Amino acid sequence: MAYVPVSRAVTWKFGGEVQLQMAVHKAGPVVTDNGNFILDWKFDCAHKWSEVNIAIKMILSVVDTGLFINMVERVYFGMQDGSVTVREKPFC
């Protein structure tokens, strides 16, 4: 139940906005199989993602992040206009 301190720590260190992910077809937040909450972070600028990943994992009670550092060779971005942008590694 440490989502409030975790949310504050992320926004204090990196800015942006952190929200508890709410369920669509049930009342309350999304809960993982292990009983953990999922937080969505809307960041407002680019970061050094490998450093962000480590820093967030170091916050007490964080289990893992959704940052998949050094796991892919290519990234596809779907844009609002329907176009797709492709970026090859390295993803600066």
PDB file of N, CA and C in Angstrom:
ATOM      1  N   MET A   1       0.818  -1.198   0.000  1.00  0.00           N
ATOM      2  CA  MET A   1       0.000   0.000   0.000  1.00  0.00           C
ATOM      3  C   MET A   1       0.858   1.256   0.000  1.00  0.00           C
ATOM      4  N   ALA A   2       2.043   1.159  -0.569  1.00  0.00           N
ATOM      5  CA  ALA A   2       2.967   2.294  -0.545  1.00  0.00           C
ATOM      6  C   ALA A   2       2.908   3.100  -1.835  1.00  0.00           C
ATOM      7  N   TYR A   3       1.782   3.056  -2.536  1.00  0.00           N
ATOM      8  CA  TYR A   3       1.735   3.743  -3.818  1.00  0.00           C
ATOM      9  C   TYR A   3       1.842   5.265  -3.679  1.00  0.00           C
ATOM     10  N   VAL A   4       1.389   5.832  -2.589  1.00  0.00           N
ATOM     11  CA  VAL A   4       1.495   7.283  -2.410  1.00  0.00           C
ATOM     12  C   VAL A   4       2.960   7.705  -2.234  1.00  0.00           C
ATOM     13  N   PRO A   5       3.724   7.103  -1.320  1.00  0.00           N
ATOM     14  CA  PRO A   5       5.133   7.486  -1.211  1.00  0.00           C
ATOM     15  C   PRO A   5       5.938   7.193  -2.479  1.00  0.00           C
ATOM     16  N   VAL A   6       5.622   6.092  -3.161  1.00  0.00           N
ATOM     17  CA  VAL A   6       6.319   5.765  -4.410  1.00  0.00           C
ATOM     18  C   VAL A   6       5.994   6.810  -5.469  1.00  0.00           C
ATOM     19  N   SER A   7       4.723   7.183  -5.587  1.00  0.00           N
ATOM     20  CA  SER A   7       4.311   8.206  -6.556  1.00  0.00           C
ATOM     21  C   SER A   7       5.035   9.518  -6.291  1.00  0.00           C
ATOM     22  N   ARG A   8       5.103   9.903  -5.037  1.00  0.00           N
ATOM     23  CA  ARG A   8       5.776  11.158  -4.673  1.00  0.00           C
ATOM     24  C   ARG A   8       7.272  11.090  -4.971  1.00  0.00           C
ATOM     25  N   ALA A   9       7.882   9.948  -4.711  1.00  0.00           N
ATOM     26  CA  ALA A   9       9.321   9.793  -4.966  1.00  0.00           C
ATOM     27  C   ALA A   9       9.626   9.905  -6.459  1.00  0.00           C
ATOM     28  N   VAL A  10       8.814   9.291  -7.289  1.00  0.00           N
ATOM     29  CA  VAL A  10       9.040   9.342  -8.738  1.00  0.00           C
ATOM     30  C   VAL A  10       8.867  10.758  -9.260  1.00  0.00           C
ATOM     31  N   THR A  11       7.796  11.434  -8.859  1.00  0.00           N
ATOM     32  CA  THR A  11       7.583  12.797  -9.351  1.00  0.00           C
ATOM     33  C   THR A  11       8.624  13.763  -8.793  1.00  0.00           C
ATOM     34  N   TRP A  12       9.074  13.556  -7.582  1.00  0.00           N
ATOM     35  CA  TRP A  12      10.104  14.414  -7.005  1.00  0.00           C
ATOM     36  C   TRP A  12      11.428  14.255  -7.750  1.00  0.00           C
ATOM     37  N   LYS A  13      11.784  12.993  -8.093  1.00  0.00           N
ATOM     38  CA  LYS A  13      13.067  12.739  -8.756  1.00  0.00           C
ATOM     39  C   LYS A  13      13.037  13.066 -10.245  1.00  0.00           C
ATOM     40  N   PHE A  14      11.905  12.804 -10.906  1.00  0.00           N
ATOM     41  CA  PHE A  14      11.885  12.856 -12.365  1.00  0.00           C
ATOM     42  C   PHE A  14      10.800  13.745 -12.956  1.00  0.00           C
ATOM     43  N   GLY A  15       9.932  14.306 -12.138  1.00  0.00           N
ATOM     44  CA  GLY A  15       8.860  15.149 -12.657  1.00  0.00           C
ATOM     45  C   GLY A  15       7.728  14.328 -13.236  1.00  0.00           C
ATOM     46  N   GLY A  16       6.864  14.978 -13.963  1.00  0.00           N
ATOM     47  CA  GLY A  16       5.726  14.300 -14.572  1.00  0.00           C
ATOM     48  C   GLY A  16       4.611  14.068 -13.573  1.00  0.00           C
ATOM     49  N   GLU A  17       3.782  13.086 -13.879  1.00  0.00           N
ATOM     50  CA  GLU A  17       2.612  12.782 -13.056  1.00  0.00           C
ATOM     51  C   GLU A  17       2.463  11.272 -12.924  1.00  0.00           C
ATOM     52  N   VAL A  18       2.240  10.810 -11.714  1.00  0.00           N
ATOM     53  CA  VAL A  18       2.044   9.379 -11.453  1.00  0.00           C
ATOM     54  C   VAL A  18       0.618   9.169 -10.975  1.00  0.00           C
ATOM     55  N   GLN A  19      -0.052   8.172 -11.571  1.00  0.00           N
ATOM     56  CA  GLN A  19      -1.420   7.856 -11.176  1.00  0.00           C
ATOM     57  C   GLN A  19      -1.560   6.358 -10.943  1.00  0.00           C
ATOM     58  N   LEU A  20      -2.379   6.027  -9.994  1.00  0.00           N
ATOM     59  CA  LEU A  20      -2.735   4.638  -9.743  1.00  0.00           C
ATOM     60  C   LEU A  20      -3.602   4.152 -10.899  1.00  0.00           C
ATOM     61  N   GLN A  21      -3.231   3.051 -11.530  1.00  0.00           N
ATOM     62  CA  GLN A  21      -4.000   2.542 -12.664  1.00  0.00           C
ATOM     63  C   GLN A  21      -5.316   1.945 -12.168  1.00  0.00           C
ATOM     64  N   MET A  22      -6.406   2.475 -12.661  1.00  0.00           N
ATOM     65  CA  MET A  22      -7.726   2.027 -12.226  1.00  0.00           C
ATOM     66  C   MET A  22      -8.287   0.987 -13.188  1.00  0.00           C
ATOM     67  N   ALA A  23      -9.012   0.035 -12.644  1.00  0.00           N
ATOM     68  CA  ALA A  23      -9.602  -1.036 -13.443  1.00  0.00           C
ATOM     69  C   ALA A  23     -10.768  -0.503 -14.268  1.00  0.00           C
ATOM     70  N   VAL A  24     -11.061  -1.180 -15.364  1.00  0.00           N
ATOM     71  CA  VAL A  24     -12.149  -0.770 -16.250  1.00  0.00           C
ATOM     72  C   VAL A  24     -13.431  -1.531 -15.929  1.00  0.00           C
ATOM     73  N   HIS A  25     -13.325  -2.839 -15.696  1.00  0.00           N
ATOM     74  CA  HIS A  25     -14.514  -3.674 -15.520  1.00  0.00           C
ATOM     75  C   HIS A  25     -14.764  -4.097 -14.075  1.00  0.00           C
ATOM     76  N   LYS A  26     -14.117  -3.406 -13.144  1.00  0.00           N
ATOM     77  CA  LYS A  26     -14.373  -3.657 -11.726  1.00  0.00           C
ATOM     78  C   LYS A  26     -14.066  -2.379 -10.965  1.00  0.00           C
ATOM     79  N   ALA A  27     -14.512  -2.308  -9.749  1.00  0.00           N
ATOM     80  CA  ALA A  27     -14.258  -1.125  -8.932  1.00  0.00           C
ATOM     81  C   ALA A  27     -12.861  -1.200  -8.340  1.00  0.00           C
ATOM     82  N   GLY A  28     -12.165  -0.095  -8.341  1.00  0.00           N
ATOM     83  CA  GLY A  28     -10.867  -0.031  -7.694  1.00  0.00           C
ATOM     84  C   GLY A  28      -9.700  -0.127  -8.648  1.00  0.00           C
ATOM     85  N   PRO A  29      -8.499  -0.177  -8.081  1.00  0.00           N
ATOM     86  CA  PRO A  29      -7.286  -0.189  -8.896  1.00  0.00           C
ATOM     87  C   PRO A  29      -6.999  -1.568  -9.500  1.00  0.00           C
ATOM     88  N   VAL A  30      -6.133  -1.559 -10.520  1.00  0.00           N
ATOM     89  CA  VAL A  30      -5.642  -2.813 -11.098  1.00  0.00           C
ATOM     90  C   VAL A  30      -4.696  -3.436 -10.081  1.00  0.00           C
ATOM     91  N   VAL A  31      -4.854  -4.731  -9.850  1.00  0.00           N
ATOM     92  CA  VAL A  31      -4.022  -5.449  -8.895  1.00  0.00           C
ATOM     93  C   VAL A  31      -3.368  -6.624  -9.620  1.00  0.00           C
ATOM     94  N   THR A  32      -2.066  -6.782  -9.448  1.00  0.00           N
ATOM     95  CA  THR A  32      -1.351  -7.890 -10.087  1.00  0.00           C
ATOM     96  C   THR A  32      -1.682  -9.207  -9.397  1.00  0.00           C
ATOM     97  N   ASP A  33      -1.216 -10.310  -9.966  1.00  0.00           N
ATOM     98  CA  ASP A  33      -1.435 -11.633  -9.366  1.00  0.00           C
ATOM     99  C   ASP A  33      -0.842 -11.725  -7.964  1.00  0.00           C
ATOM    100  N   ASN A  34       0.189 -10.935  -7.711  1.00  0.00           N
ATOM    101  CA  ASN A  34       0.829 -10.949  -6.391  1.00  0.00           C
ATOM    102  C   ASN A  34       0.247  -9.917  -5.436  1.00  0.00           C
ATOM    103  N   GLY A  35      -0.825  -9.235  -5.847  1.00  0.00           N
ATOM    104  CA  GLY A  35      -1.485  -8.271  -4.977  1.00  0.00           C
ATOM    105  C   GLY A  35      -0.880  -6.883  -4.994  1.00  0.00           C
ATOM    106  N   ASN A  36      -0.069  -6.597  -6.000  1.00  0.00           N
ATOM    107  CA  ASN A  36       0.571  -5.280  -6.101  1.00  0.00           C
ATOM    108  C   ASN A  36      -0.244  -4.344  -6.989  1.00  0.00           C
ATOM    109  N   PHE A  37      -0.097  -3.047  -6.748  1.00  0.00           N
ATOM    110  CA  PHE A  37      -0.737  -2.036  -7.591  1.00  0.00           C
ATOM    111  C   PHE A  37       0.183  -1.680  -8.754  1.00  0.00           C
ATOM    112  N   ILE A  38      -0.412  -1.158  -9.818  1.00  0.00           N
ATOM    113  CA  ILE A  38       0.342  -0.685 -10.975  1.00  0.00           C
ATOM    114  C   ILE A  38       0.173   0.823 -11.046  1.00  0.00           C
ATOM    115  N   LEU A  39       1.306   1.515 -11.171  1.00  0.00           N
ATOM    116  CA  LEU A  39       1.294   2.965 -11.293  1.00  0.00           C
ATOM    117  C   LEU A  39       1.652   3.342 -12.727  1.00  0.00           C
ATOM    118  N   ASP A  40       0.941   4.307 -13.291  1.00  0.00           N
ATOM    119  CA  ASP A  40       1.236   4.847 -14.613  1.00  0.00           C
ATOM    120  C   ASP A  40       1.936   6.178 -14.435  1.00  0.00           C
ATOM    121  N   TRP A  41       3.073   6.343 -15.112  1.00  0.00           N
ATOM    122  CA  TRP A  41       3.848   7.571 -15.011  1.00  0.00           C
ATOM    123  C   TRP A  41       3.838   8.274 -16.358  1.00  0.00           C
ATOM    124  N   LYS A  42       3.319   9.481 -16.373  1.00  0.00           N
ATOM    125  CA  LYS A  42       3.335  10.319 -17.567  1.00  0.00           C
ATOM    126  C   LYS A  42       4.459  11.323 -17.377  1.00  0.00           C
ATOM    127  N   PHE A  43       5.557  11.096 -18.064  1.00  0.00           N
ATOM    128  CA  PHE A  43       6.723  11.958 -17.909  1.00  0.00           C
ATOM    129  C   PHE A  43       6.656  13.096 -18.910  1.00  0.00           C
ATOM    130  N   ASP A  44       7.328  14.196 -18.578  1.00  0.00           N
ATOM    131  CA  ASP A  44       7.239  15.391 -19.408  1.00  0.00           C
ATOM    132  C   ASP A  44       8.522  15.732 -20.154  1.00  0.00           C
ATOM    133  N   CYS A  45       9.537  14.886 -20.045  1.00  0.00           N
ATOM    134  CA  CYS A  45      10.760  15.109 -20.816  1.00  0.00           C
ATOM    135  C   CYS A  45      11.518  13.790 -20.942  1.00  0.00           C
ATOM    136  N   ALA A  46      12.494  13.782 -21.841  1.00  0.00           N
ATOM    137  CA  ALA A  46      13.313  12.577 -22.031  1.00  0.00           C
ATOM    138  C   ALA A  46      14.286  12.439 -20.864  1.00  0.00           C
ATOM    139  N   HIS A  47      14.631  11.216 -20.567  1.00  0.00           N
ATOM    140  CA  HIS A  47      15.538  10.922 -19.460  1.00  0.00           C
ATOM    141  C   HIS A  47      16.590   9.930 -19.919  1.00  0.00           C
ATOM    142  N   LYS A  48      17.578   9.700 -19.088  1.00  0.00           N
ATOM    143  CA  LYS A  48      18.526   8.606 -19.300  1.00  0.00           C
ATOM    144  C   LYS A  48      17.849   7.377 -18.697  1.00  0.00           C
ATOM    145  N   TRP A  49      17.201   6.596 -19.550  1.00  0.00           N
ATOM    146  CA  TRP A  49      16.270   5.567 -19.090  1.00  0.00           C
ATOM    147  C   TRP A  49      16.918   4.470 -18.263  1.00  0.00           C
ATOM    148  N   SER A  50      18.151   4.114 -18.558  1.00  0.00           N
ATOM    149  CA  SER A  50      18.785   3.077 -17.733  1.00  0.00           C
ATOM    150  C   SER A  50      18.983   3.577 -16.306  1.00  0.00           C
ATOM    151  N   GLU A  51      19.291   4.869 -16.148  1.00  0.00           N
ATOM    152  CA  GLU A  51      19.437   5.445 -14.805  1.00  0.00           C
ATOM    153  C   GLU A  51      18.086   5.566 -14.107  1.00  0.00           C
ATOM    154  N   VAL A  52      17.056   5.936 -14.853  1.00  0.00           N
ATOM    155  CA  VAL A  52      15.704   6.036 -14.296  1.00  0.00           C
ATOM    156  C   VAL A  52      15.244   4.662 -13.819  1.00  0.00           C
ATOM    157  N   ASN A  53      15.473   3.642 -14.635  1.00  0.00           N
ATOM    158  CA  ASN A  53      15.073   2.276 -14.285  1.00  0.00           C
ATOM    159  C   ASN A  53      15.693   1.841 -12.962  1.00  0.00           C
ATOM    160  N   ILE A  54      16.983   2.074 -12.813  1.00  0.00           N
ATOM    161  CA  ILE A  54      17.683   1.697 -11.577  1.00  0.00           C
ATOM    162  C   ILE A  54      17.155   2.507 -10.393  1.00  0.00           C
ATOM    163  N   ALA A  55      16.996   3.817 -10.595  1.00  0.00           N
ATOM    164  CA  ALA A  55      16.542   4.683  -9.501  1.00  0.00           C
ATOM    165  C   ALA A  55      15.147   4.303  -9.022  1.00  0.00           C
ATOM    166  N   ILE A  56      14.251   3.994  -9.941  1.00  0.00           N
ATOM    167  CA  ILE A  56      12.890   3.609  -9.537  1.00  0.00           C
ATOM    168  C   ILE A  56      12.912   2.275  -8.808  1.00  0.00           C
ATOM    169  N   LYS A  57      13.706   1.321  -9.276  1.00  0.00           N
ATOM    170  CA  LYS A  57      13.792   0.022  -8.597  1.00  0.00           C
ATOM    171  C   LYS A  57      14.380   0.147  -7.191  1.00  0.00           C
ATOM    172  N   MET A  58      15.133   1.218  -6.953  1.00  0.00           N
ATOM    173  CA  MET A  58      15.735   1.439  -5.634  1.00  0.00           C
ATOM    174  C   MET A  58      14.751   2.039  -4.636  1.00  0.00           C
ATOM    175  N   ILE A  59      13.606   2.497  -5.108  1.00  0.00           N
ATOM    176  CA  ILE A  59      12.604   3.061  -4.197  1.00  0.00           C
ATOM    177  C   ILE A  59      11.996   1.918  -3.394  1.00  0.00           C
ATOM    178  N   LEU A  60      11.965   2.070  -2.095  1.00  0.00           N
ATOM    179  CA  LEU A  60      11.441   1.046  -1.201  1.00  0.00           C
ATOM    180  C   LEU A  60      10.021   0.659  -1.596  1.00  0.00           C
ATOM    181  N   SER A  61       9.757  -0.619  -1.750  1.00  0.00           N
ATOM    182  CA  SER A  61       8.479  -1.260  -2.069  1.00  0.00           C
ATOM    183  C   SER A  61       8.197  -1.366  -3.561  1.00  0.00           C
ATOM    184  N   VAL A  62       9.057  -0.829  -4.433  1.00  0.00           N
ATOM    185  CA  VAL A  62       8.881  -1.026  -5.870  1.00  0.00           C
ATOM    186  C   VAL A  62       9.327  -2.435  -6.226  1.00  0.00           C
ATOM    187  N   VAL A  63       8.484  -3.167  -6.950  1.00  0.00           N
ATOM    188  CA  VAL A  63       8.810  -4.530  -7.350  1.00  0.00           C
ATOM    189  C   VAL A  63       9.569  -4.526  -8.674  1.00  0.00           C
ATOM    190  N   ASP A  64       9.077  -3.797  -9.660  1.00  0.00           N
ATOM    191  CA  ASP A  64       9.732  -3.741 -10.967  1.00  0.00           C
ATOM    192  C   ASP A  64       9.182  -2.554 -11.738  1.00  0.00           C
ATOM    193  N   THR A  65       9.775  -2.290 -12.886  1.00  0.00           N
ATOM    194  CA  THR A  65       9.295  -1.215 -13.750  1.00  0.00           C
ATOM    195  C   THR A  65       8.831  -1.813 -15.075  1.00  0.00           C
ATOM    196  N   GLY A  66       8.186  -0.995 -15.855  1.00  0.00           N
ATOM    197  CA  GLY A  66       7.794  -1.392 -17.198  1.00  0.00           C
ATOM    198  C   GLY A  66       8.758  -0.862 -18.239  1.00  0.00           C
ATOM    199  N   LEU A  67       9.950  -0.474 -17.801  1.00  0.00           N
ATOM    200  CA  LEU A  67      10.972  -0.005 -18.732  1.00  0.00           C
ATOM    201  C   LEU A  67      11.798  -1.209 -19.171  1.00  0.00           C
ATOM    202  N   PHE A  68      11.782  -1.489 -20.433  1.00  0.00           N
ATOM    203  CA  PHE A  68      12.459  -2.668 -20.957  1.00  0.00           C
ATOM    204  C   PHE A  68      13.788  -2.240 -21.554  1.00  0.00           C
ATOM    205  N   ILE A  69      14.777  -2.014 -20.692  1.00  0.00           N
ATOM    206  CA  ILE A  69      16.072  -1.477 -21.062  1.00  0.00           C
ATOM    207  C   ILE A  69      16.925  -2.558 -21.712  1.00  0.00           C
ATOM    208  N   ASN A  70      17.473  -2.237 -22.891  1.00  0.00           N
ATOM    209  CA  ASN A  70      18.375  -3.130 -23.646  1.00  0.00           C
ATOM    210  C   ASN A  70      17.765  -4.491 -23.951  1.00  0.00           C
ATOM    211  N   MET A  71      16.478  -4.516 -24.238  1.00  0.00           N
ATOM    212  CA  MET A  71      15.811  -5.783 -24.535  1.00  0.00           C
ATOM    213  C   MET A  71      15.387  -5.910 -25.994  1.00  0.00           C
ATOM    214  N   VAL A  72      15.472  -4.838 -26.772  1.00  0.00           N
ATOM    215  CA  VAL A  72      14.997  -4.884 -28.151  1.00  0.00           C
ATOM    216  C   VAL A  72      16.012  -4.238 -29.090  1.00  0.00           C
ATOM    217  N   GLU A  73      15.898  -4.562 -30.366  1.00  0.00           N
ATOM    218  CA  GLU A  73      16.750  -3.981 -31.399  1.00  0.00           C
ATOM    219  C   GLU A  73      16.043  -2.870 -32.165  1.00  0.00           C
ATOM    220  N   ARG A  74      14.702  -2.860 -32.103  1.00  0.00           N
ATOM    221  CA  ARG A  74      13.908  -1.919 -32.894  1.00  0.00           C
ATOM    222  C   ARG A  74      12.658  -1.554 -32.111  1.00  0.00           C
ATOM    223  N   VAL A  75      12.236  -0.277 -32.229  1.00  0.00           N
ATOM    224  CA  VAL A  75      11.037   0.185 -31.549  1.00  0.00           C
ATOM    225  C   VAL A  75      10.102   0.801 -32.579  1.00  0.00           C
ATOM    226  N   TYR A  76       8.814   0.475 -32.482  1.00  0.00           N
ATOM    227  CA  TYR A  76       7.785   1.023 -33.364  1.00  0.00           C
ATOM    228  C   TYR A  76       6.888   1.948 -32.549  1.00  0.00           C
ATOM    229  N   PHE A  77       6.689   3.162 -33.046  1.00  0.00           N
ATOM    230  CA  PHE A  77       5.836   4.137 -32.395  1.00  0.00           C
ATOM    231  C   PHE A  77       4.612   4.376 -33.274  1.00  0.00           C
ATOM    232  N   GLY A  78       3.431   4.058 -32.776  1.00  0.00           N
ATOM    233  CA  GLY A  78       2.195   4.357 -33.490  1.00  0.00           C
ATOM    234  C   GLY A  78       1.775   5.784 -33.192  1.00  0.00           C
ATOM    235  N   MET A  79       1.631   6.582 -34.240  1.00  0.00           N
ATOM    236  CA  MET A  79       1.308   7.994 -34.075  1.00  0.00           C
ATOM    237  C   MET A  79      -0.204   8.201 -34.178  1.00  0.00           C
ATOM    238  N   GLN A  80      -0.680   9.345 -33.686  1.00  0.00           N
ATOM    239  CA  GLN A  80      -2.121   9.635 -33.696  1.00  0.00           C
ATOM    240  C   GLN A  80      -2.695   9.674 -35.101  1.00  0.00           C
ATOM    241  N   ASP A  81      -1.895  10.059 -36.087  1.00  0.00           N
ATOM    242  CA  ASP A  81      -2.400  10.143 -37.459  1.00  0.00           C
ATOM    243  C   ASP A  81      -2.404   8.793 -38.170  1.00  0.00           C
ATOM    244  N   GLY A  82      -2.042   7.722 -37.480  1.00  0.00           N
ATOM    245  CA  GLY A  82      -2.045   6.381 -38.062  1.00  0.00           C
ATOM    246  C   GLY A  82      -0.702   5.961 -38.631  1.00  0.00           C
ATOM    247  N   SER A  83       0.247   6.873 -38.723  1.00  0.00           N
ATOM    248  CA  SER A  83       1.564   6.523 -39.243  1.00  0.00           C
ATOM    249  C   SER A  83       2.370   5.790 -38.163  1.00  0.00           C
ATOM    250  N   VAL A  84       3.432   5.124 -38.603  1.00  0.00           N
ATOM    251  CA  VAL A  84       4.294   4.392 -37.692  1.00  0.00           C
ATOM    252  C   VAL A  84       5.723   4.879 -37.884  1.00  0.00           C
ATOM    253  N   THR A  85       6.377   5.221 -36.788  1.00  0.00           N
ATOM    254  CA  THR A  85       7.780   5.625 -36.816  1.00  0.00           C
ATOM    255  C   THR A  85       8.599   4.481 -36.243  1.00  0.00           C
ATOM    256  N   VAL A  86       9.710   4.162 -36.911  1.00  0.00           N
ATOM    257  CA  VAL A  86      10.579   3.072 -36.473  1.00  0.00           C
ATOM    258  C   VAL A  86      11.922   3.660 -36.064  1.00  0.00           C
ATOM    259  N   ARG A  87      12.431   3.223 -34.911  1.00  0.00           N
ATOM    260  CA  ARG A  87      13.761   3.634 -34.465  1.00  0.00           C
ATOM    261  C   ARG A  87      14.589   2.389 -34.201  1.00  0.00           C
ATOM    262  N   GLU A  88      15.797   2.400 -34.743  1.00  0.00           N
ATOM    263  CA  GLU A  88      16.733   1.294 -34.547  1.00  0.00           C
ATOM    264  C   GLU A  88      17.637   1.595 -33.350  1.00  0.00           C
ATOM    265  N   LYS A  89      18.202   0.581 -32.779  1.00  0.00           N
ATOM    266  CA  LYS A  89      19.111   0.749 -31.666  1.00  0.00           C
ATOM    267  C   LYS A  89      20.366   1.460 -32.153  1.00  0.00           C
ATOM    268  N   PRO A  90      20.998   2.408 -31.475  1.00  0.00           N
ATOM    269  CA  PRO A  90      20.681   2.902 -30.142  1.00  0.00           C
ATOM    270  C   PRO A  90      19.533   3.917 -30.176  1.00  0.00           C
ATOM    271  N   PHE A  91      18.747   3.934 -29.124  1.00  0.00           N
ATOM    272  CA  PHE A  91      17.548   4.771 -29.022  1.00  0.00           C
ATOM    273  C   PHE A  91      17.876   6.035 -28.247  1.00  0.00           C
ATOM    274  N   CYS A  92      18.678   6.884 -28.754  1.00  0.00           N
ATOM    275  CA  CYS A  92      19.085   8.104 -28.049  1.00  0.00           C
ATOM    276  C   CYS A  92      17.930   9.038 -27.829  1.00  0.00           C
TER     277      CYS A  92
END
